[in-house]
Amino acid sequence: MERQELSDILQQNGIVGAGGAGFPTYGKLDERAETIILNCAECEPLLRLHRQLLEKHAGEIVETFHMIGETLGAKDVVIGIKEAYKETIEALNQVVADYKNVRLGLLEEVYPAGDEVVLIYEVTGKVIRPGVLPIESGIAVFNVETVYNIYRALHNEPVIEKLVSVVAEVENPITVKVPIGTSLEEVVKMAGKTTVNNPVYFVGGPMMGSIGSKFQPVTKTTNGILVLPQDHLLVQKKNSNSSIDLKRAAACCCNCSMCTDLCPRNRLGHPIEPHKFMQAATCKDVQNPDIFVNTYFCSSCGLCEMFSCFQGLSPRTLMTEYKGKLRGRGVPMPKVEAKGVGPEREFRKVPMERLMARLDLTKYDKEAPLKEEVPDTKRVKILMSQHIGAPAIPRVTKGDKVKKGDVVGAMGKGLSVNIHASIDGTICEVNDKYVMIEA
């Protein structure tokens, strides 16, 4: 298939990264890509949907990923997967032998093995220059569910459903496939009763997720819902006040450098040093502005504040706030080179088992079987912006009848994709931000 043809199919069918920020996938179809990597590290604790999907649909996903490699002329097609995912690896071994340039890149059970920069280093040995996209080094990374969505798009099926793991304080942890736009409350009900009063919905992974509302709709990037008690560590951390966090850091930070020593990007030579930032920010010391500007290179993995700091301080949260202020004032990201990777990196990886214990999540580490039957949904709220780039533009009016797969939001100017109806029904509300459909 020609690259432009594939690009058009992905854009028309609304394919974006099925996790993270939702980068429109057609933008990754770059002829400079000599290596493509399928990311099945799934390093966020408790989430299982990628390994489950890859195990069940190994043939379709590997075939599609190989096709993407051929379209781009990639010489190396790598499936990055943790060696602990035995059943998925067994399923992959049944099909990868049919494709000469496809290989498995086995990963350790550490966090954050799924961080794009870390994953690339582990399976290729290349260090991505700080602050740039992997394509500069001839590499493109794709999410497992994204590639499965590409497979479906090739069979004229746009993105109208999403896999979501529902775990923690629920009766029956499960991974479900739901229409995009379904409320979080409806999705959680599919896992049975909640086992705590006044539960908090923690959307995404425990390390990089955020607290959501029960009325919030599922989007193309919603991977998981952790149902947690209000007094859980993760909830308390997310509800903390940044001004208080800064005062606590001024009083407690001993500048031990543990946050920097265990920082995955720092271990790969990127100039991000949380301990120096904490000292400079709390003392209002601006003699070395690079300390503040280098917060741009933080990946927000959360290890510094959720694992490394024995004082329970919040380097990631404070650096994220500073990054936002820098962007708001038009401060550009500096152009720098990565330093060498030291031998100590091998001894500063964080085991998943230890991380889950630190986060008080071990008791929730249970099977969440994949259920692919899509439930009937009475109402969906479909956001026009579910991806990085320009939002889609509503192409329906109140009272219109639509069927599953109809375009309800046309791609905007620039980097954008179409948005589709996820159920059959009637448009009951439309504005620039969302379209509401009643079955």
Protein backbone atom coordinates (compact mmCIF):
# COMPACT_ATOMS: atom_id res chain seq x y z
CA MET A 1 0.00 0.00 0.00
CA GLU A 2 1.20 3.52 -0.77
CA ARG A 3 1.98 5.75 2.19
CA GLN A 4 -0.49 8.48 1.16
CA GLU A 5 -3.29 5.94 0.72
CA LEU A 6 -2.68 4.53 4.21
CA SER A 7 -2.43 8.05 5.64
CA ASP A 8 -5.81 8.99 4.16
CA ILE A 9 -7.43 5.84 5.56
CA LEU A 10 -6.13 6.59 9.06
CA GLN A 11 -7.22 10.22 8.97
CA GLN A 12 -10.67 9.46 7.58
CA ASN A 13 -11.26 6.68 10.14
CA GLY A 14 -10.13 8.72 13.14
CA ILE A 15 -7.03 6.72 14.12
CA VAL A 16 -5.06 8.32 16.96
CA GLY A 17 -2.78 6.98 19.64
CA ALA A 18 -5.03 4.87 21.90
CA GLY A 19 -3.50 6.28 25.07
CA GLY A 20 -1.40 9.22 26.18
CA ALA A 21 -2.16 12.42 24.30
CA GLY A 22 -3.74 10.79 21.25
CA PHE A 23 -1.30 11.84 18.53
CA PRO A 24 -2.99 11.41 15.10
CA THR A 25 -1.37 8.26 13.76
CA TYR A 26 -1.17 9.35 10.14
CA GLY A 27 1.39 11.90 11.33
CA LYS A 28 3.74 9.03 12.21
CA LEU A 29 3.76 7.61 8.68
CA ASP A 30 7.10 9.18 7.93
CA GLU A 31 9.38 7.80 5.22
CA ARG A 32 12.37 8.45 7.50
CA ALA A 33 11.25 5.60 9.77
CA GLU A 34 13.86 2.84 9.49
CA THR A 35 12.63 1.17 12.69
CA ILE A 36 9.05 0.86 13.93
CA ILE A 37 8.22 -0.37 17.42
CA LEU A 38 4.97 -1.82 18.75
CA ASN A 39 4.66 -0.76 22.39
CA CYS A 40 3.30 -3.58 24.53
CA ALA A 41 5.23 -2.65 27.68
CA GLU A 42 1.99 -1.53 29.35
CA CYS A 43 3.98 -0.36 32.33
CA GLU A 44 1.20 1.37 34.28
CA PRO A 45 0.33 -0.86 37.27
CA LEU A 46 -2.94 -2.87 37.07
CA LEU A 47 -3.68 -2.18 33.37
CA ARG A 48 -3.81 -5.25 31.12
CA LEU A 49 -5.73 -4.33 27.99
CA HIS A 50 -2.79 -4.17 25.55
CA ARG A 51 -1.34 -7.56 26.40
CA GLN A 52 -4.85 -9.07 26.42
CA LEU A 53 -5.68 -7.59 23.02
CA LEU A 54 -2.35 -8.64 21.52
CA GLU A 55 -2.73 -12.18 22.85
CA LYS A 56 -6.25 -12.55 21.44
CA HIS A 57 -5.59 -10.85 18.08
CA ALA A 58 -1.90 -11.57 17.55
CA GLY A 59 -2.39 -12.56 13.90
CA GLU A 60 -4.30 -9.44 12.86
CA ILE A 61 -2.06 -7.05 14.78
CA VAL A 62 1.27 -8.52 13.62
CA GLU A 63 0.04 -8.69 10.01
CA THR A 64 -1.03 -5.03 10.16
CA PHE A 65 2.18 -3.92 11.85
CA HIS A 66 4.25 -5.72 9.24
CA MET A 67 2.21 -3.97 6.53
CA ILE A 68 2.95 -0.58 8.14
CA GLY A 69 6.65 -1.48 8.10
CA GLU A 70 6.51 -2.38 4.40
CA THR A 71 4.62 0.82 3.59
CA LEU A 72 7.27 2.93 5.32
CA GLY A 73 10.18 0.83 4.06
CA ALA A 74 11.27 0.07 7.64
CA LYS A 75 14.14 -2.39 7.98
CA ASP A 76 13.47 -3.32 11.59
CA VAL A 77 9.98 -4.12 12.92
CA VAL A 78 10.07 -4.67 16.68
CA ILE A 79 7.41 -5.74 19.15
CA GLY A 80 8.47 -4.37 22.54
CA ILE A 81 6.93 -6.58 25.21
CA LYS A 82 7.72 -7.45 28.80
CA GLU A 83 9.10 -10.95 29.18
CA ALA A 84 6.67 -11.43 32.07
CA TYR A 85 3.73 -11.51 29.60
CA LYS A 86 4.18 -15.23 28.91
CA GLU A 87 0.78 -15.97 27.33
CA THR A 88 1.02 -13.02 24.95
CA ILE A 89 4.56 -13.97 23.94
CA GLU A 90 3.41 -17.52 23.28
CA ALA A 91 0.65 -16.20 20.99
CA LEU A 92 3.14 -13.94 19.19
CA ASN A 93 5.60 -16.77 18.64
CA GLN A 94 2.92 -18.56 16.63
CA VAL A 95 2.82 -15.78 14.03
CA VAL A 96 6.07 -13.73 13.98
CA ALA A 97 7.96 -16.54 12.25
CA ASP A 98 5.93 -15.78 9.11
CA TYR A 99 7.52 -12.31 8.85
CA LYS A 100 11.28 -12.16 8.35
CA ASN A 101 11.89 -8.63 9.61
CA VAL A 102 9.60 -8.82 12.66
CA ARG A 103 11.23 -9.56 16.00
CA LEU A 104 10.40 -9.43 19.70
CA GLY A 105 12.21 -6.96 21.93
CA LEU A 106 11.88 -8.40 25.44
CA LEU A 107 11.70 -5.95 28.34
CA GLU A 108 12.21 -6.24 32.07
CA GLU A 109 9.30 -5.90 34.49
CA VAL A 110 10.23 -2.36 35.51
CA TYR A 111 8.63 1.09 35.42
CA PRO A 112 8.47 3.01 33.09
CA ALA A 113 9.43 0.48 30.41
CA GLY A 114 6.64 1.88 28.22
CA ASP A 115 8.00 5.42 28.17
CA GLU A 116 8.78 6.00 24.50
CA VAL A 117 12.38 7.11 25.09
CA VAL A 118 13.08 4.25 27.53
CA LEU A 119 11.45 1.66 25.24
CA ILE A 120 13.50 2.79 22.25
CA TYR A 121 16.75 2.52 24.19
CA GLU A 122 15.88 -0.93 25.51
CA VAL A 123 15.07 -2.47 22.11
CA THR A 124 17.46 -0.55 19.83
CA GLY A 125 20.21 0.86 22.05
CA LYS A 126 19.56 4.36 20.66
CA VAL A 127 19.15 7.43 22.88
CA ILE A 128 16.62 9.94 21.55
CA ARG A 129 17.86 13.52 21.71
CA PRO A 130 16.10 15.43 24.53
CA GLY A 131 12.91 17.16 23.51
CA VAL A 132 12.63 15.81 19.95
CA LEU A 133 10.38 13.21 18.35
CA PRO A 134 11.82 9.72 17.78
CA ILE A 135 11.53 10.15 14.01
CA GLU A 136 14.67 12.32 14.14
CA SER A 137 16.48 9.05 14.91
CA GLY A 138 14.52 7.15 12.25
CA ILE A 139 12.11 5.53 14.71
CA ALA A 140 8.32 5.51 15.07
CA VAL A 141 6.44 3.95 18.00
CA PHE A 142 2.86 2.65 17.84
CA ASN A 143 0.44 1.54 20.55
CA VAL A 144 -1.04 -2.00 20.39
CA GLU A 145 -4.68 -0.89 20.34
CA THR A 146 -3.82 1.76 17.76
CA VAL A 147 -2.48 -0.90 15.38
CA TYR A 148 -5.59 -3.02 15.97
CA ASN A 149 -7.68 0.04 15.10
CA ILE A 150 -5.64 0.39 11.89
CA TYR A 151 -6.48 -3.25 11.09
CA ARG A 152 -10.17 -2.46 11.54
CA ALA A 153 -9.89 0.75 9.50
CA LEU A 154 -8.49 -1.30 6.61
CA HIS A 155 -11.78 -3.22 6.82
CA ASN A 156 -13.85 0.00 6.75
CA GLU A 157 -14.42 0.20 10.51
CA PRO A 158 -13.69 3.64 12.04
CA VAL A 159 -12.75 4.17 15.70
CA ILE A 160 -16.05 4.08 17.57
CA GLU A 161 -15.15 1.84 20.53
CA LYS A 162 -12.51 1.77 23.25
CA LEU A 163 -11.05 -0.90 25.49
CA VAL A 164 -11.02 0.13 29.15
CA SER A 165 -9.74 -1.77 32.20
CA VAL A 166 -11.94 -1.29 35.29
CA VAL A 167 -10.01 -2.32 38.39
CA ALA A 168 -9.38 -1.86 42.14
CA GLU A 169 -12.44 -1.39 44.38
CA VAL A 170 -14.93 -3.23 42.16
CA GLU A 171 -16.62 -6.58 42.57
CA ASN A 172 -15.40 -8.05 39.27
CA PRO A 173 -12.33 -6.37 37.74
CA ILE A 174 -12.72 -6.48 33.97
CA THR A 175 -11.52 -5.10 30.65
CA VAL A 176 -14.47 -4.01 28.52
CA LYS A 177 -15.07 -2.63 25.04
CA VAL A 178 -17.48 0.31 25.12
CA PRO A 179 -18.81 2.90 22.66
CA ILE A 180 -16.75 6.10 22.73
CA GLY A 181 -18.68 8.71 24.68
CA THR A 182 -20.03 6.30 27.32
CA SER A 183 -19.92 7.85 30.80
CA LEU A 184 -17.35 6.54 33.27
CA GLU A 185 -20.18 5.66 35.65
CA GLU A 186 -21.75 3.34 33.05
CA VAL A 187 -18.40 1.68 32.37
CA VAL A 188 -17.72 1.07 36.07
CA LYS A 189 -21.13 -0.60 36.44
CA MET A 190 -19.92 -3.29 34.05
CA ALA A 191 -17.49 -4.44 36.76
CA GLY A 192 -20.28 -5.06 39.27
CA LYS A 193 -20.71 -3.22 42.53
CA THR A 194 -18.10 -0.84 43.89
CA THR A 195 -16.68 -2.08 47.19
CA VAL A 196 -16.24 1.32 48.89
CA ASN A 197 -18.56 4.19 49.69
CA ASN A 198 -18.21 7.41 47.68
CA PRO A 199 -15.60 5.97 45.30
CA VAL A 200 -13.16 8.12 43.36
CA TYR A 201 -12.64 7.41 39.65
CA PHE A 202 -8.94 7.61 38.86
CA VAL A 203 -8.73 7.75 35.06
CA GLY A 204 -5.68 6.37 33.26
CA GLY A 205 -2.84 4.61 35.04
CA PRO A 206 -2.05 5.14 38.72
CA MET A 207 1.24 6.89 37.90
CA MET A 208 0.15 9.31 35.18
CA GLY A 209 -3.63 9.36 35.48
CA SER A 210 -5.97 11.92 37.00
CA ILE A 211 -9.18 12.09 39.00
CA GLY A 212 -12.27 12.07 36.80
CA SER A 213 -15.99 12.68 37.17
CA LYS A 214 -18.57 9.89 36.86
CA PHE A 215 -20.19 11.96 34.10
CA GLN A 216 -16.96 12.21 32.12
CA PRO A 217 -17.10 10.41 28.74
CA VAL A 218 -14.75 7.73 27.50
CA THR A 219 -12.48 9.04 24.74
CA LYS A 220 -10.10 7.42 22.27
CA THR A 221 -7.33 7.63 24.88
CA THR A 222 -9.14 6.28 27.98
CA ASN A 223 -7.26 3.13 28.98
CA GLY A 224 -8.34 2.48 32.54
CA ILE A 225 -10.53 3.45 35.46
CA LEU A 226 -9.23 2.74 38.95
CA VAL A 227 -12.03 2.84 41.51
CA LEU A 228 -10.40 4.00 44.74
CA PRO A 229 -11.40 5.04 48.27
CA GLN A 230 -11.19 8.75 49.01
CA ASP A 231 -8.34 8.31 51.48
CA HIS A 232 -6.08 6.39 49.08
CA LEU A 233 -2.53 7.68 48.60
CA LEU A 234 -3.07 8.33 44.87
CA VAL A 235 -6.19 10.41 45.52
CA GLN A 236 -4.50 12.42 48.25
CA LYS A 237 -1.53 13.12 45.99
CA LYS A 238 -3.73 14.34 43.14
CA ASN A 239 -5.76 16.53 45.46
CA SER A 240 -2.71 18.21 46.95
CA ASN A 241 -2.24 21.97 46.64
CA SER A 242 0.87 22.97 44.68
CA SER A 243 1.51 26.06 46.82
CA ILE A 244 1.46 23.88 49.92
CA ASP A 245 3.65 21.31 48.13
CA LEU A 246 6.21 24.06 47.51
CA LYS A 247 6.17 25.15 51.16
CA ARG A 248 6.56 21.54 52.28
CA ALA A 249 9.51 21.13 49.94
CA ALA A 250 11.12 24.28 51.35
CA ALA A 251 10.81 22.84 54.84
CA CYS A 252 11.62 19.18 54.16
CA CYS A 253 13.72 18.68 51.01
CA CYS A 254 17.22 17.64 52.07
CA ASN A 255 18.46 17.59 48.46
CA CYS A 256 19.40 13.92 48.74
CA SER A 257 19.18 13.60 44.89
CA MET A 258 17.25 10.31 45.06
CA CYS A 259 14.64 11.76 42.67
CA THR A 260 17.34 12.46 40.10
CA ASP A 261 19.20 9.19 40.70
CA LEU A 262 16.07 7.19 39.80
CA CYS A 263 14.80 9.49 37.03
CA PRO A 264 14.50 7.34 33.86
CA ARG A 265 15.20 10.25 31.49
CA ASN A 266 18.17 11.44 33.56
CA ARG A 267 19.61 7.91 33.47
CA LEU A 268 19.53 8.19 29.66
CA GLY A 269 21.53 11.40 29.76
CA HIS A 270 18.70 13.93 29.50
CA PRO A 271 19.35 17.16 31.45
CA ILE A 272 16.46 16.82 33.88
CA GLU A 273 17.55 17.05 37.53
CA PRO A 274 14.58 17.19 39.91
CA HIS A 275 16.66 17.63 43.07
CA LYS A 276 18.32 20.78 41.68
CA PHE A 277 14.93 22.09 40.59
CA MET A 278 13.49 21.53 44.08
CA GLN A 279 16.37 23.42 45.67
CA ALA A 280 16.20 26.32 43.20
CA ALA A 281 12.39 26.58 43.28
CA THR A 282 12.05 26.49 47.05
CA CYS A 283 14.89 28.99 47.57
CA LYS A 284 13.76 31.17 44.64
CA ASP A 285 17.30 30.84 43.30
CA VAL A 286 17.34 31.89 39.63
CA GLN A 287 21.10 32.16 39.20
CA ASN A 288 21.02 29.13 36.90
CA PRO A 289 17.89 29.45 34.71
CA ASP A 290 18.71 26.20 32.91
CA ILE A 291 17.47 24.30 35.97
CA PHE A 292 13.99 25.69 35.33
CA VAL A 293 14.05 25.52 31.54
CA ASN A 294 15.18 21.88 31.67
CA THR A 295 11.84 20.94 33.24
CA TYR A 296 10.72 20.71 29.59
CA PHE A 297 12.54 17.36 29.48
CA CYS A 298 10.51 15.79 32.30
CA SER A 299 8.34 12.93 30.97
CA SER A 300 5.93 13.21 33.96
CA CYS A 301 6.34 9.50 34.69
CA GLY A 302 5.86 10.31 38.39
CA LEU A 303 8.61 8.14 39.86
CA CYS A 304 10.20 11.06 41.69
CA GLU A 305 7.11 11.83 43.78
CA MET A 306 5.39 8.45 43.90
CA PHE A 307 8.41 6.26 44.60
CA SER A 308 11.78 7.99 45.04
CA CYS A 309 11.14 10.73 47.60
CA PHE A 310 11.03 9.39 51.16
CA GLN A 311 9.68 12.77 52.32
CA GLY A 312 6.61 12.40 50.10
CA LEU A 313 7.34 15.61 48.17
CA SER A 314 6.05 16.38 44.68
CA PRO A 315 8.81 17.21 42.16
CA ARG A 316 6.77 16.05 39.14
CA THR A 317 3.73 18.15 40.06
CA LEU A 318 5.79 21.27 40.66
CA MET A 319 7.84 20.80 37.47
CA THR A 320 4.66 20.33 35.46
CA GLU A 321 3.38 23.65 36.81
CA TYR A 322 6.62 25.37 35.90
CA LYS A 323 6.55 23.87 32.38
CA GLY A 324 3.08 25.29 31.89
CA LYS A 325 4.22 28.73 32.94
CA LEU A 326 7.23 28.59 30.63
CA ARG A 327 5.02 27.66 27.67
CA GLY A 328 2.54 30.36 28.60
CA ARG A 329 5.30 32.96 28.44
CA GLY A 330 6.66 31.69 25.15
CA VAL A 331 9.95 30.37 26.54
CA PRO A 332 11.34 27.94 23.91
CA MET A 333 12.59 24.46 24.69
CA PRO A 334 16.42 24.50 24.56
CA LYS A 335 18.32 22.40 22.03
CA VAL A 336 20.64 20.06 23.89
CA GLU A 337 22.37 16.71 23.42
CA ALA A 338 22.05 13.75 25.74
CA LYS A 339 25.02 12.81 27.87
CA GLY A 340 26.30 9.25 27.86
CA VAL A 341 24.41 6.41 29.55
CA GLY A 342 26.29 5.35 32.66
CA PRO A 343 26.63 1.75 33.91
CA GLU A 344 24.72 2.68 37.08
CA ARG A 345 21.48 2.80 35.06
CA GLU A 346 21.13 -0.98 35.21
CA PHE A 347 20.98 -0.81 39.02
CA ARG A 348 18.52 2.07 39.24
CA LYS A 349 15.49 0.53 37.59
CA VAL A 350 12.28 0.32 39.60
CA PRO A 351 10.67 -3.16 39.79
CA MET A 352 6.90 -3.17 39.21
CA GLU A 353 6.32 -5.37 42.24
CA ARG A 354 8.06 -2.86 44.50
CA LEU A 355 6.29 0.08 42.87
CA MET A 356 2.84 -1.45 43.41
CA ALA A 357 3.67 -2.12 47.05
CA ARG A 358 4.77 1.49 47.53
CA LEU A 359 1.52 2.73 45.94
CA ASP A 360 -0.64 0.39 48.05
CA LEU A 361 -1.94 -1.34 44.91
CA THR A 362 -0.74 -4.92 45.44
CA LYS A 363 -4.12 -6.02 46.82
CA TYR A 364 -5.74 -4.88 43.56
CA ASP A 365 -3.42 -6.87 41.30
CA LYS A 366 -6.05 -9.31 40.03
CA GLU A 367 -7.09 -10.68 36.67
CA ALA A 368 -9.33 -8.36 34.68
CA PRO A 369 -10.53 -10.63 31.84
CA LEU A 370 -11.17 -9.11 28.42
CA LYS A 371 -14.80 -8.93 27.33
CA GLU A 372 -15.21 -7.80 23.72
CA GLU A 373 -19.02 -7.82 23.51
CA VAL A 374 -20.04 -4.18 23.16
CA PRO A 375 -22.92 -3.25 25.52
CA ASP A 376 -25.99 -1.29 24.50
CA THR A 377 -25.57 2.33 25.50
CA LYS A 378 -28.50 4.76 25.67
CA ARG A 379 -26.58 8.00 25.42
CA VAL A 380 -23.06 9.05 24.43
CA LYS A 381 -21.23 12.34 24.65
CA ILE A 382 -18.60 12.44 21.91
CA LEU A 383 -15.91 15.08 22.31
CA MET A 384 -14.63 16.89 19.26
CA SER A 385 -11.12 17.06 20.70
CA GLN A 386 -9.81 13.61 21.58
CA HIS A 387 -6.38 14.08 20.09
CA ILE A 388 -3.41 16.44 19.88
CA GLY A 389 -3.92 19.00 17.16
CA ALA A 390 -6.98 20.78 15.77
CA PRO A 391 -10.39 19.66 17.13
CA ALA A 392 -12.87 18.15 14.72
CA ILE A 393 -15.69 20.40 13.52
CA PRO A 394 -19.30 19.24 14.17
CA ARG A 395 -21.03 18.17 10.97
CA VAL A 396 -24.47 17.38 12.40
CA THR A 397 -27.37 19.40 13.81
CA LYS A 398 -29.85 18.73 16.57
CA GLY A 399 -32.50 16.24 15.47
CA ASP A 400 -30.35 14.50 12.83
CA LYS A 401 -30.51 10.71 12.70
CA VAL A 402 -27.11 8.98 12.64
CA LYS A 403 -25.82 5.44 12.42
CA LYS A 404 -22.74 3.90 13.98
CA GLY A 405 -19.69 4.99 12.01
CA ASP A 406 -21.22 8.13 10.51
CA VAL A 407 -18.95 11.19 10.62
CA VAL A 408 -20.26 13.60 13.27
CA GLY A 409 -17.09 15.71 13.40
CA ALA A 410 -15.00 16.48 10.32
CA MET A 411 -11.25 16.86 10.66
CA GLY A 412 -10.11 20.41 11.39
CA LYS A 413 -7.37 22.31 9.62
CA GLY A 414 -3.86 21.06 10.31
CA LEU A 415 -3.21 17.95 12.39
CA SER A 416 -6.66 16.44 12.90
CA VAL A 417 -8.90 13.42 12.27
CA ASN A 418 -12.58 12.63 11.81
CA ILE A 419 -14.85 11.80 14.75
CA HIS A 420 -17.62 9.22 14.31
CA ALA A 421 -20.93 8.27 15.87
CA SER A 422 -20.48 5.34 18.24
CA ILE A 423 -24.15 4.32 18.43
CA ASP A 424 -27.27 4.55 16.25
CA GLY A 425 -29.53 7.36 17.36
CA THR A 426 -30.64 10.97 17.26
CA ILE A 427 -28.46 14.03 17.82
CA CYS A 428 -29.88 15.67 20.95
CA GLU A 429 -27.21 18.31 21.56
CA VAL A 430 -24.42 19.88 19.49
CA ASN A 431 -21.81 22.54 20.19
CA ASP A 432 -18.18 23.21 19.29
CA LYS A 433 -16.93 20.90 22.02
CA TYR A 434 -19.13 17.81 21.78
CA VAL A 435 -22.00 15.99 20.13
CA MET A 436 -24.61 14.14 22.22
CA ILE A 437 -26.43 11.13 20.74
CA GLU A 438 -29.45 9.32 22.21
CA ALA A 439 -30.12 5.77 21.08
